């Protein structure tokens, strides 16, 4: 019986390490995409000021795609964050508060 528990604990520790790695990498991607969004917004505003309609359209499309990618990474990070909380509670009995700053979370996960 203890062997089964130690195998489960080992698997949980491995899953926790993976979840923390994925969470960190997704946060790095979110930061990079935020920077890219800022640069694209600056380029769009400059194109709008100078009246370049052809550039404005392509920049709007790039802004939309980049923002959608960032939102996907954000959702992934939320899932991994919840997984980390669950695993840490199960493994170490830690009581961790996991807070997300948006209000559109309706419990669909």
PDB file of N, CA and C in Angstrom:
ATOM      1  N   UNK A   1       0.820  -1.200   0.000  1.00  0.00           N
ATOM      2  CA  UNK A   1       0.000   0.000   0.000  1.00  0.00           C
ATOM      3  C   UNK A   1       0.860   1.258   0.000  1.00  0.00           C
ATOM      4  N   UNK A   2       1.954   1.254   0.764  1.00  0.00           N
ATOM      5  CA  UNK A   2       2.816   2.436   0.800  1.00  0.00           C
ATOM      6  C   UNK A   2       3.531   2.634  -0.528  1.00  0.00           C
ATOM      7  N   UNK A   3       3.809   1.514  -1.219  1.00  0.00           N
ATOM      8  CA  UNK A   3       4.444   1.637  -2.529  1.00  0.00           C
ATOM      9  C   UNK A   3       3.519   2.362  -3.506  1.00  0.00           C
ATOM     10  N   UNK A   4       2.230   2.056  -3.462  1.00  0.00           N
ATOM     11  CA  UNK A   4       1.259   2.719  -4.334  1.00  0.00           C
ATOM     12  C   UNK A   4       1.183   4.196  -3.997  1.00  0.00           C
ATOM     13  N   UNK A   5       1.180   4.523  -2.702  1.00  0.00           N
ATOM     14  CA  UNK A   5       1.137   5.924  -2.296  1.00  0.00           C
ATOM     15  C   UNK A   5       2.390   6.662  -2.716  1.00  0.00           C
ATOM     16  N   UNK A   6       3.555   6.027  -2.582  1.00  0.00           N
ATOM     17  CA  UNK A   6       4.788   6.709  -2.968  1.00  0.00           C
ATOM     18  C   UNK A   6       4.846   6.904  -4.483  1.00  0.00           C
ATOM     19  N   UNK A   7       4.313   5.958  -5.256  1.00  0.00           N
ATOM     20  CA  UNK A   7       4.271   6.124  -6.712  1.00  0.00           C
ATOM     21  C   UNK A   7       3.336   7.275  -7.089  1.00  0.00           C
ATOM     22  N   UNK A   8       2.192   7.336  -6.407  1.00  0.00           N
ATOM     23  CA  UNK A   8       1.251   8.433  -6.673  1.00  0.00           C
ATOM     24  C   UNK A   8       1.877   9.763  -6.286  1.00  0.00           C
ATOM     25  N   UNK A   9       2.546   9.808  -5.146  1.00  0.00           N
ATOM     26  CA  UNK A   9       3.205  11.045  -4.709  1.00  0.00           C
ATOM     27  C   UNK A   9       4.299  11.447  -5.707  1.00  0.00           C
ATOM     28  N   UNK A  10       5.059  10.474  -6.183  1.00  0.00           N
ATOM     29  CA  UNK A  10       6.095  10.762  -7.168  1.00  0.00           C
ATOM     30  C   UNK A  10       5.479  11.332  -8.445  1.00  0.00           C
ATOM     31  N   UNK A  11       4.398  10.731  -8.901  1.00  0.00           N
ATOM     32  CA  UNK A  11       3.728  11.217 -10.113  1.00  0.00           C
ATOM     33  C   UNK A  11       3.166  12.621  -9.893  1.00  0.00           C
ATOM     34  N   UNK A  12       2.611  12.869  -8.709  1.00  0.00           N
ATOM     35  CA  UNK A  12       2.097  14.198  -8.403  1.00  0.00           C
ATOM     36  C   UNK A  12       3.219  15.230  -8.373  1.00  0.00           C
ATOM     37  N   UNK A  13       4.370  14.859  -7.807  1.00  0.00           N
ATOM     38  CA  UNK A  13       5.511  15.771  -7.794  1.00  0.00           C
ATOM     39  C   UNK A  13       5.997  16.068  -9.219  1.00  0.00           C
ATOM     40  N   UNK A  14       6.020  15.039 -10.034  1.00  0.00           N
ATOM     41  CA  UNK A  14       6.421  15.224 -11.430  1.00  0.00           C
ATOM     42  C   UNK A  14       5.432  16.128 -12.159  1.00  0.00           C
ATOM     43  N   UNK A  15       4.142  15.897 -11.937  1.00  0.00           N
ATOM     44  CA  UNK A  15       3.114  16.739 -12.554  1.00  0.00           C
ATOM     45  C   UNK A  15       3.208  18.175 -12.065  1.00  0.00           C
ATOM     46  N   UNK A  16       3.530  18.356 -10.777  1.00  0.00           N
ATOM     47  CA  UNK A  16       3.685  19.694 -10.225  1.00  0.00           C
ATOM     48  C   UNK A  16       4.858  20.413 -10.892  1.00  0.00           C
ATOM     49  N   UNK A  17       5.971  19.726 -11.049  1.00  0.00           N
ATOM     50  CA  UNK A  17       7.128  20.336 -11.710  1.00  0.00           C
ATOM     51  C   UNK A  17       6.811  20.737 -13.144  1.00  0.00           C
ATOM     52  N   UNK A  18       6.118  19.879 -13.864  1.00  0.00           N
ATOM     53  CA  UNK A  18       5.737  20.188 -15.242  1.00  0.00           C
ATOM     54  C   UNK A  18       4.779  21.374 -15.281  1.00  0.00           C
ATOM     55  N   UNK A  19       3.787  21.373 -14.396  1.00  0.00           N
ATOM     56  CA  UNK A  19       2.811  22.460 -14.382  1.00  0.00           C
ATOM     57  C   UNK A  19       3.481  23.789 -14.068  1.00  0.00           C
ATOM     58  N   UNK A  20       4.422  23.791 -13.118  1.00  0.00           N
ATOM     59  CA  UNK A  20       5.127  25.030 -12.780  1.00  0.00           C
ATOM     60  C   UNK A  20       5.981  25.514 -13.943  1.00  0.00           C
ATOM     61  N   UNK A  21       6.612  24.585 -14.658  1.00  0.00           N
ATOM     62  CA  UNK A  21       7.412  24.951 -15.829  1.00  0.00           C
ATOM     63  C   UNK A  21       6.522  25.547 -16.918  1.00  0.00           C
ATOM     64  N   UNK A  22       5.400  24.894 -17.224  1.00  0.00           N
ATOM     65  CA  UNK A  22       4.480  25.394 -18.244  1.00  0.00           C
ATOM     66  C   UNK A  22       3.890  26.739 -17.842  1.00  0.00           C
ATOM     67  N   UNK A  23       3.590  26.907 -16.546  1.00  0.00           N
ATOM     68  CA  UNK A  23       3.046  28.161 -16.053  1.00  0.00           C
ATOM     69  C   UNK A  23       4.064  29.295 -16.259  1.00  0.00           C
ATOM     70  N   UNK A  24       5.310  29.023 -15.916  1.00  0.00           N
ATOM     71  CA  UNK A  24       6.360  30.035 -16.071  1.00  0.00           C
ATOM     72  C   UNK A  24       6.575  30.391 -17.547  1.00  0.00           C
ATOM     73  N   UNK A  25       6.618  29.376 -18.398  1.00  0.00           N
ATOM     74  CA  UNK A  25       6.827  29.634 -19.824  1.00  0.00           C
ATOM     75  C   UNK A  25       5.649  30.392 -20.440  1.00  0.00           C
ATOM     76  N   UNK A  26       4.437  30.055 -20.024  1.00  0.00           N
ATOM     77  CA  UNK A  26       3.282  30.778 -20.563  1.00  0.00           C
ATOM     78  C   UNK A  26       3.287  32.230 -20.091  1.00  0.00           C
ATOM     79  N   UNK A  27       3.720  32.475 -18.862  1.00  0.00           N
ATOM     80  CA  UNK A  27       3.834  33.858 -18.397  1.00  0.00           C
ATOM     81  C   UNK A  27       4.883  34.627 -19.181  1.00  0.00           C
ATOM     82  N   UNK A  28       5.989  33.977 -19.515  1.00  0.00           N
ATOM     83  CA  UNK A  28       7.006  34.620 -20.347  1.00  0.00           C
ATOM     84  C   UNK A  28       6.437  34.981 -21.717  1.00  0.00           C
ATOM     85  N   UNK A  29       5.644  34.084 -22.291  1.00  0.00           N
ATOM     86  CA  UNK A  29       5.024  34.349 -23.591  1.00  0.00           C
ATOM     87  C   UNK A  29       4.029  35.504 -23.492  1.00  0.00           C
ATOM     88  N   UNK A  30       3.264  35.561 -22.413  1.00  0.00           N
ATOM     89  CA  UNK A  30       2.300  36.649 -22.227  1.00  0.00           C
ATOM     90  C   UNK A  30       3.025  37.988 -22.181  1.00  0.00           C
ATOM     91  N   UNK A  31       4.139  38.045 -21.472  1.00  0.00           N
ATOM     92  CA  UNK A  31       4.918  39.276 -21.388  1.00  0.00           C
ATOM     93  C   UNK A  31       5.452  39.665 -22.769  1.00  0.00           C
ATOM     94  N   UNK A  32       5.966  38.686 -23.515  1.00  0.00           N
ATOM     95  CA  UNK A  32       6.482  38.969 -24.860  1.00  0.00           C
ATOM     96  C   UNK A  32       5.361  39.446 -25.787  1.00  0.00           C
ATOM     97  N   UNK A  33       4.196  38.829 -25.692  1.00  0.00           N
ATOM     98  CA  UNK A  33       3.074  39.237 -26.542  1.00  0.00           C
ATOM     99  C   UNK A  33       2.556  40.619 -26.144  1.00  0.00           C
ATOM    100  N   UNK A  34       2.591  40.949 -24.858  1.00  0.00           N
ATOM    101  CA  UNK A  34       2.206  42.299 -24.429  1.00  0.00           C
ATOM    102  C   UNK A  34       3.132  43.347 -25.040  1.00  0.00           C
ATOM    103  N   UNK A  35       4.422  43.046 -25.055  1.00  0.00           N
ATOM    104  CA  UNK A  35       5.382  43.969 -25.667  1.00  0.00           C
ATOM    105  C   UNK A  35       5.117  44.121 -27.166  1.00  0.00           C
ATOM    106  N   UNK A  36       4.838  42.989 -27.807  1.00  0.00           N
ATOM    107  CA  UNK A  36       4.560  43.029 -29.238  1.00  0.00           C
ATOM    108  C   UNK A  36       3.284  43.821 -29.513  1.00  0.00           C
ATOM    109  N   UNK A  37       2.267  43.639 -28.677  1.00  0.00           N
ATOM    110  CA  UNK A  37       1.036  44.407 -28.839  1.00  0.00           C
ATOM    111  C   UNK A  37       1.294  45.903 -28.707  1.00  0.00           C
ATOM    112  N   UNK A  38       2.118  46.277 -27.739  1.00  0.00           N
ATOM    113  CA  UNK A  38       2.439  47.690 -27.557  1.00  0.00           C
ATOM    114  C   UNK A  38       3.106  48.260 -28.803  1.00  0.00           C
ATOM    115  N   UNK A  39       4.074  47.530 -29.342  1.00  0.00           N
ATOM    116  CA  UNK A  39       4.768  48.001 -30.552  1.00  0.00           C
ATOM    117  C   UNK A  39       3.804  48.097 -31.743  1.00  0.00           C
ATOM    118  N   UNK A  40       2.923  47.104 -31.885  1.00  0.00           N
ATOM    119  CA  UNK A  40       1.961  47.139 -32.993  1.00  0.00           C
ATOM    120  C   UNK A  40       0.988  48.299 -32.832  1.00  0.00           C
ATOM    121  N   UNK A  41       0.570  48.578 -31.606  1.00  0.00           N
ATOM    122  CA  UNK A  41      -0.338  49.707 -31.376  1.00  0.00           C
ATOM    123  C   UNK A  41       0.338  51.030 -31.727  1.00  0.00           C
ATOM    124  N   UNK A  42       1.609  51.147 -31.384  1.00  0.00           N
ATOM    125  CA  UNK A  42       2.343  52.367 -31.728  1.00  0.00           C
ATOM    126  C   UNK A  42       2.434  52.517 -33.246  1.00  0.00           C
ATOM    127  N   UNK A  43       2.718  51.428 -33.941  1.00  0.00           N
ATOM    128  CA  UNK A  43       2.802  51.478 -35.406  1.00  0.00           C
ATOM    129  C   UNK A  43       1.439  51.813 -36.014  1.00  0.00           C
ATOM    130  N   UNK A  44       0.373  51.241 -35.450  1.00  0.00           N
ATOM    131  CA  UNK A  44      -0.968  51.522 -35.961  1.00  0.00           C
ATOM    132  C   UNK A  44      -1.312  52.997 -35.786  1.00  0.00           C
ATOM    133  N   UNK A  45      -1.026  53.544 -34.608  1.00  0.00           N
ATOM    134  CA  UNK A  45      -1.327  54.959 -34.372  1.00  0.00           C
ATOM    135  C   UNK A  45      -0.548  55.867 -35.319  1.00  0.00           C
ATOM    136  N   UNK A  46       0.693  55.514 -35.581  1.00  0.00           N
ATOM    137  CA  UNK A  46       1.511  56.297 -36.508  1.00  0.00           C
ATOM    138  C   UNK A  46       0.929  56.217 -37.929  1.00  0.00           C
ATOM    139  N   UNK A  47       0.522  55.028 -38.344  1.00  0.00           N
ATOM    140  CA  UNK A  47      -0.068  54.860 -39.675  1.00  0.00           C
ATOM    141  C   UNK A  47      -1.387  55.624 -39.774  1.00  0.00           C
ATOM    142  N   UNK A  48      -2.154  55.656 -38.706  1.00  0.00           N
ATOM    143  CA  UNK A  48      -3.428  56.386 -38.715  1.00  0.00           C
ATOM    144  C   UNK A  48      -3.182  57.888 -38.806  1.00  0.00           C
ATOM    145  N   UNK A  49      -2.188  58.371 -38.059  1.00  0.00           N
ATOM    146  CA  UNK A  49      -1.862  59.799 -38.105  1.00  0.00           C
ATOM    147  C   UNK A  49      -1.401  60.236 -39.496  1.00  0.00           C
ATOM    148  N   UNK A  50      -0.682  59.356 -40.168  1.00  0.00           N
ATOM    149  CA  UNK A  50      -0.139  59.697 -41.483  1.00  0.00           C
ATOM    150  C   UNK A  50      -1.073  59.313 -42.624  1.00  0.00           C
ATOM    151  N   UNK A  51      -2.209  58.700 -42.297  1.00  0.00           N
ATOM    152  CA  UNK A  51      -3.223  58.400 -43.305  1.00  0.00           C
ATOM    153  C   UNK A  51      -2.923  57.209 -44.192  1.00  0.00           C
ATOM    154  N   UNK A  52      -2.136  56.263 -43.736  1.00  0.00           N
ATOM    155  CA  UNK A  52      -1.818  55.072 -44.525  1.00  0.00           C
ATOM    156  C   UNK A  52      -2.857  53.976 -44.268  1.00  0.00           C
ATOM    157  N   UNK A  53      -3.921  53.989 -45.082  1.00  0.00           N
ATOM    158  CA  UNK A  53      -5.016  53.048 -44.864  1.00  0.00           C
ATOM    159  C   UNK A  53      -4.594  51.598 -45.104  1.00  0.00           C
ATOM    160  N   UNK A  54      -3.761  51.358 -46.094  1.00  0.00           N
ATOM    161  CA  UNK A  54      -3.360  49.974 -46.383  1.00  0.00           C
ATOM    162  C   UNK A  54      -2.562  49.381 -45.220  1.00  0.00           C
ATOM    163  N   UNK A  55      -1.724  50.168 -44.568  1.00  0.00           N
ATOM    164  CA  UNK A  55      -0.972  49.691 -43.415  1.00  0.00           C
ATOM    165  C   UNK A  55      -1.875  49.501 -42.198  1.00  0.00           C
ATOM    166  N   UNK A  56      -2.858  50.398 -42.070  1.00  0.00           N
ATOM    167  CA  UNK A  56      -3.755  50.314 -40.917  1.00  0.00           C
ATOM    168  C   UNK A  56      -4.510  48.991 -40.894  1.00  0.00           C
ATOM    169  N   UNK A  57      -4.982  48.560 -42.053  1.00  0.00           N
ATOM    170  CA  UNK A  57      -5.746  47.312 -42.095  1.00  0.00           C
ATOM    171  C   UNK A  57      -4.883  46.119 -41.684  1.00  0.00           C
ATOM    172  N   UNK A  58      -3.695  46.013 -42.246  1.00  0.00           N
ATOM    173  CA  UNK A  58      -2.846  44.862 -41.916  1.00  0.00           C
ATOM    174  C   UNK A  58      -2.400  44.926 -40.453  1.00  0.00           C
ATOM    175  N   UNK A  59      -2.158  46.117 -39.947  1.00  0.00           N
ATOM    176  CA  UNK A  59      -1.781  46.238 -38.536  1.00  0.00           C
ATOM    177  C   UNK A  59      -2.946  45.882 -37.612  1.00  0.00           C
ATOM    178  N   UNK A  60      -4.163  46.252 -37.994  1.00  0.00           N
ATOM    179  CA  UNK A  60      -5.332  45.854 -37.187  1.00  0.00           C
ATOM    180  C   UNK A  60      -5.468  44.346 -37.143  1.00  0.00           C
ATOM    181  N   UNK A  61      -5.227  43.694 -38.271  1.00  0.00           N
ATOM    182  CA  UNK A  61      -5.308  42.227 -38.313  1.00  0.00           C
ATOM    183  C   UNK A  61      -4.232  41.607 -37.427  1.00  0.00           C
ATOM    184  N   UNK A  62      -3.013  42.127 -37.512  1.00  0.00           N
ATOM    185  CA  UNK A  62      -1.928  41.614 -36.661  1.00  0.00           C
ATOM    186  C   UNK A  62      -2.221  41.859 -35.188  1.00  0.00           C
ATOM    187  N   UNK A  63      -2.805  43.018 -34.867  1.00  0.00           N
ATOM    188  CA  UNK A  63      -3.194  43.302 -33.482  1.00  0.00           C
ATOM    189  C   UNK A  63      -4.223  42.289 -32.989  1.00  0.00           C
ATOM    190  N   UNK A  64      -5.209  42.002 -33.826  1.00  0.00           N
ATOM    191  CA  UNK A  64      -6.263  41.062 -33.423  1.00  0.00           C
ATOM    192  C   UNK A  64      -5.705  39.661 -33.194  1.00  0.00           C
ATOM    193  N   UNK A  65      -4.840  39.208 -34.082  1.00  0.00           N
ATOM    194  CA  UNK A  65      -4.259  37.871 -33.955  1.00  0.00           C
ATOM    195  C   UNK A  65      -3.350  37.794 -32.728  1.00  0.00           C
ATOM    196  N   UNK A  66      -2.534  38.811 -32.528  1.00  0.00           N
ATOM    197  CA  UNK A  66      -1.616  38.815 -31.387  1.00  0.00           C
ATOM    198  C   UNK A  66      -2.385  38.861 -30.074  1.00  0.00           C
ATOM    199  N   UNK A  67      -3.447  39.647 -30.026  1.00  0.00           N
ATOM    200  CA  UNK A  67      -4.260  39.712 -28.813  1.00  0.00           C
ATOM    201  C   UNK A  67      -4.953  38.376 -28.542  1.00  0.00           C
ATOM    202  N   UNK A  68      -5.415  37.718 -29.595  1.00  0.00           N
ATOM    203  CA  UNK A  68      -6.051  36.410 -29.422  1.00  0.00           C
ATOM    204  C   UNK A  68      -5.043  35.378 -28.912  1.00  0.00           C
ATOM    205  N   UNK A  69      -3.820  35.430 -29.429  1.00  0.00           N
ATOM    206  CA  UNK A  69      -2.780  34.510 -28.951  1.00  0.00           C
ATOM    207  C   UNK A  69      -2.484  34.762 -27.477  1.00  0.00           C
ATOM    208  N   UNK A  70      -2.390  36.036 -27.096  1.00  0.00           N
ATOM    209  CA  UNK A  70      -2.126  36.368 -25.698  1.00  0.00           C
ATOM    210  C   UNK A  70      -3.251  35.854 -24.802  1.00  0.00           C
ATOM    211  N   UNK A  71      -4.497  35.985 -25.259  1.00  0.00           N
ATOM    212  CA  UNK A  71      -5.628  35.509 -24.467  1.00  0.00           C
ATOM    213  C   UNK A  71      -5.607  33.991 -24.300  1.00  0.00           C
ATOM    214  N   UNK A  72      -5.176  33.280 -25.327  1.00  0.00           N
ATOM    215  CA  UNK A  72      -5.064  31.823 -25.232  1.00  0.00           C
ATOM    216  C   UNK A  72      -3.988  31.436 -24.217  1.00  0.00           C
ATOM    217  N   UNK A  73      -2.854  32.104 -24.269  1.00  0.00           N
ATOM    218  CA  UNK A  73      -1.803  31.841 -23.279  1.00  0.00           C
ATOM    219  C   UNK A  73      -2.288  32.181 -21.869  1.00  0.00           C
ATOM    220  N   UNK A  74      -3.065  33.242 -21.751  1.00  0.00           N
ATOM    221  CA  UNK A  74      -3.592  33.633 -20.444  1.00  0.00           C
ATOM    222  C   UNK A  74      -4.520  32.541 -19.896  1.00  0.00           C
ATOM    223  N   UNK A  75      -5.391  32.005 -20.731  1.00  0.00           N
ATOM    224  CA  UNK A  75      -6.284  30.936 -20.297  1.00  0.00           C
ATOM    225  C   UNK A  75      -5.486  29.688 -19.900  1.00  0.00           C
ATOM    226  N   UNK A  76      -4.462  29.380 -20.672  1.00  0.00           N
ATOM    227  CA  UNK A  76      -3.610  28.230 -20.366  1.00  0.00           C
ATOM    228  C   UNK A  76      -2.914  28.429 -19.018  1.00  0.00           C
ATOM    229  N   UNK A  77      -2.406  29.649 -18.773  1.00  0.00           N
ATOM    230  CA  UNK A  77      -1.734  29.943 -17.507  1.00  0.00           C
ATOM    231  C   UNK A  77      -2.711  29.804 -16.336  1.00  0.00           C
ATOM    232  N   UNK A  78      -3.960  30.208 -16.525  1.00  0.00           N
ATOM    233  CA  UNK A  78      -4.957  30.054 -15.454  1.00  0.00           C
ATOM    234  C   UNK A  78      -5.195  28.583 -15.136  1.00  0.00           C
ATOM    235  N   UNK A  79      -5.288  27.757 -16.164  1.00  0.00           N
ATOM    236  CA  UNK A  79      -5.489  26.320 -15.953  1.00  0.00           C
ATOM    237  C   UNK A  79      -4.302  25.724 -15.196  1.00  0.00           C
ATOM    238  N   UNK A  80      -3.098  26.073 -15.626  1.00  0.00           N
ATOM    239  CA  UNK A  80      -1.898  25.552 -14.959  1.00  0.00           C
ATOM    240  C   UNK A  80      -1.786  26.090 -13.536  1.00  0.00           C
ATOM    241  N   UNK A  81      -2.178  27.325 -13.304  1.00  0.00           N
ATOM    242  CA  UNK A  81      -2.154  27.881 -11.962  1.00  0.00           C
ATOM    243  C   UNK A  81      -3.080  27.132 -11.018  1.00  0.00           C
ATOM    244  N   UNK A  82      -4.260  26.822 -11.504  1.00  0.00           N
ATOM    245  CA  UNK A  82      -5.204  26.044 -10.682  1.00  0.00           C
ATOM    246  C   UNK A  82      -4.666  24.638 -10.414  1.00  0.00           C
ATOM    247  N   UNK A  83      -4.030  24.062 -11.421  1.00  0.00           N
ATOM    248  CA  UNK A  83      -3.436  22.733 -11.253  1.00  0.00           C
ATOM    249  C   UNK A  83      -2.322  22.770 -10.201  1.00  0.00           C
ATOM    250  N   UNK A  84      -1.515  23.805 -10.233  1.00  0.00           N
ATOM    251  CA  UNK A  84      -0.437  23.954  -9.247  1.00  0.00           C
ATOM    252  C   UNK A  84      -1.015  24.069  -7.843  1.00  0.00           C
ATOM    253  N   UNK A  85      -2.055  24.863  -7.687  1.00  0.00           N
ATOM    254  CA  UNK A  85      -2.686  25.020  -6.369  1.00  0.00           C
ATOM    255  C   UNK A  85      -3.215  23.677  -5.874  1.00  0.00           C
ATOM    256  N   UNK A  86      -3.908  22.965  -6.758  1.00  0.00           N
ATOM    257  CA  UNK A  86      -4.483  21.670  -6.374  1.00  0.00           C
ATOM    258  C   UNK A  86      -3.393  20.678  -5.964  1.00  0.00           C
ATOM    259  N   UNK A  87      -2.328  20.599  -6.748  1.00  0.00           N
ATOM    260  CA  UNK A  87      -1.249  19.660  -6.442  1.00  0.00           C
ATOM    261  C   UNK A  87      -0.502  20.045  -5.169  1.00  0.00           C
ATOM    262  N   UNK A  88      -0.271  21.340  -4.966  1.00  0.00           N
ATOM    263  CA  UNK A  88       0.426  21.767  -3.747  1.00  0.00           C
ATOM    264  C   UNK A  88      -0.417  21.499  -2.499  1.00  0.00           C
ATOM    265  N   UNK A  89      -1.725  21.652  -2.628  1.00  0.00           N
ATOM    266  CA  UNK A  89      -2.594  21.335  -1.499  1.00  0.00           C
ATOM    267  C   UNK A  89      -2.564  19.838  -1.201  1.00  0.00           C
ATOM    268  N   UNK A  90      -2.583  19.024  -2.245  1.00  0.00           N
ATOM    269  CA  UNK A  90      -2.587  17.576  -2.062  1.00  0.00           C
ATOM    270  C   UNK A  90      -1.242  17.074  -1.528  1.00  0.00           C
ATOM    271  N   UNK A  91      -0.149  17.635  -2.031  1.00  0.00           N
ATOM    272  CA  UNK A  91       1.173  17.142  -1.649  1.00  0.00           C
ATOM    273  C   UNK A  91       1.674  17.697  -0.318  1.00  0.00           C
ATOM    274  N   UNK A  92       1.493  18.990  -0.124  1.00  0.00           N
ATOM    275  CA  UNK A  92       2.115  19.647   1.021  1.00  0.00           C
ATOM    276  C   UNK A  92       1.122  20.243   2.010  1.00  0.00           C
ATOM    277  N   UNK A  93      -0.154  20.192   1.691  1.00  0.00           N
ATOM    278  CA  UNK A  93      -1.162  20.771   2.568  1.00  0.00           C
ATOM    279  C   UNK A  93      -1.136  22.292   2.583  1.00  0.00           C
ATOM    280  N   UNK A  94      -0.528  22.892   1.568  1.00  0.00           N
ATOM    281  CA  UNK A  94      -0.445  24.345   1.500  1.00  0.00           C
ATOM    282  C   UNK A  94      -1.809  24.922   1.157  1.00  0.00           C
ATOM    283  N   UNK A  95      -2.126  26.033   1.782  1.00  0.00           N
ATOM    284  CA  UNK A  95      -3.360  26.746   1.480  1.00  0.00           C
ATOM    285  C   UNK A  95      -2.993  27.980   0.669  1.00  0.00           C
ATOM    286  N   UNK A  96      -3.106  27.864  -0.646  1.00  0.00           N
ATOM    287  CA  UNK A  96      -2.667  28.911  -1.561  1.00  0.00           C
ATOM    288  C   UNK A  96      -3.885  29.615  -2.124  1.00  0.00           C
ATOM    289  N   UNK A  97      -3.825  30.925  -2.148  1.00  0.00           N
ATOM    290  CA  UNK A  97      -4.871  31.724  -2.766  1.00  0.00           C
ATOM    291  C   UNK A  97      -4.479  31.980  -4.211  1.00  0.00           C
ATOM    292  N   UNK A  98      -5.311  31.511  -5.117  1.00  0.00           N
ATOM    293  CA  UNK A  98      -5.058  31.712  -6.547  1.00  0.00           C
ATOM    294  C   UNK A  98      -6.072  32.718  -7.038  1.00  0.00           C
ATOM    295  N   UNK A  99      -5.611  33.897  -7.393  1.00  0.00           N
ATOM    296  CA  UNK A  99      -6.492  34.986  -7.791  1.00  0.00           C
ATOM    297  C   UNK A  99      -6.186  35.372  -9.222  1.00  0.00           C
ATOM    298  N   UNK A 100      -7.239  35.515 -10.008  1.00  0.00           N
ATOM    299  CA  UNK A 100      -7.082  36.027 -11.362  1.00  0.00           C
ATOM    300  C   UNK A 100      -7.738  37.392 -11.406  1.00  0.00           C
ATOM    301  N   UNK A 101      -7.157  38.287 -12.178  1.00  0.00           N
ATOM    302  CA  UNK A 101      -7.587  39.676 -12.136  1.00  0.00           C
ATOM    303  C   UNK A 101      -8.751  39.991 -13.061  1.00  0.00           C
ATOM    304  N   UNK A 102      -9.184  39.051 -13.896  1.00  0.00           N
ATOM    305  CA  UNK A 102     -10.300  39.372 -14.778  1.00  0.00           C
ATOM    306  C   UNK A 102     -11.608  38.889 -14.170  1.00  0.00           C
ATOM    307  N   UNK A 103     -12.696  39.459 -14.632  1.00  0.00           N
ATOM    308  CA  UNK A 103     -13.999  39.128 -14.058  1.00  0.00           C
ATOM    309  C   UNK A 103     -14.834  38.267 -14.986  1.00  0.00           C
ATOM    310  N   UNK A 104     -14.275  37.818 -16.115  1.00  0.00           N
ATOM    311  CA  UNK A 104     -15.044  36.994 -17.054  1.00  0.00           C
ATOM    312  C   UNK A 104     -14.940  35.511 -16.763  1.00  0.00           C
ATOM    313  N   UNK A 105     -14.338  35.151 -15.640  1.00  0.00           N
ATOM    314  CA  UNK A 105     -14.193  33.744 -15.280  1.00  0.00           C
ATOM    315  C   UNK A 105     -15.512  33.233 -14.701  1.00  0.00           C
ATOM    316  N   UNK A 106     -16.211  32.416 -15.494  1.00  0.00           N
ATOM    317  CA  UNK A 106     -17.512  31.943 -15.058  1.00  0.00           C
ATOM    318  C   UNK A 106     -17.510  30.473 -14.698  1.00  0.00           C
ATOM    319  N   UNK A 107     -16.347  29.905 -14.502  1.00  0.00           N
ATOM    320  CA  UNK A 107     -16.246  28.513 -14.060  1.00  0.00           C
ATOM    321  C   UNK A 107     -16.451  27.504 -15.151  1.00  0.00           C
ATOM    322  N   UNK A 108     -16.119  27.831 -16.401  1.00  0.00           N
ATOM    323  CA  UNK A 108     -16.304  26.889 -17.495  1.00  0.00           C
ATOM    324  C   UNK A 108     -15.232  25.829 -17.556  1.00  0.00           C
ATOM    325  N   UNK A 109     -14.128  26.009 -16.812  1.00  0.00           N
ATOM    326  CA  UNK A 109     -12.995  25.093 -16.901  1.00  0.00           C
ATOM    327  C   UNK A 109     -13.326  23.700 -16.495  1.00  0.00           C
TER     328      UNK A 109
END
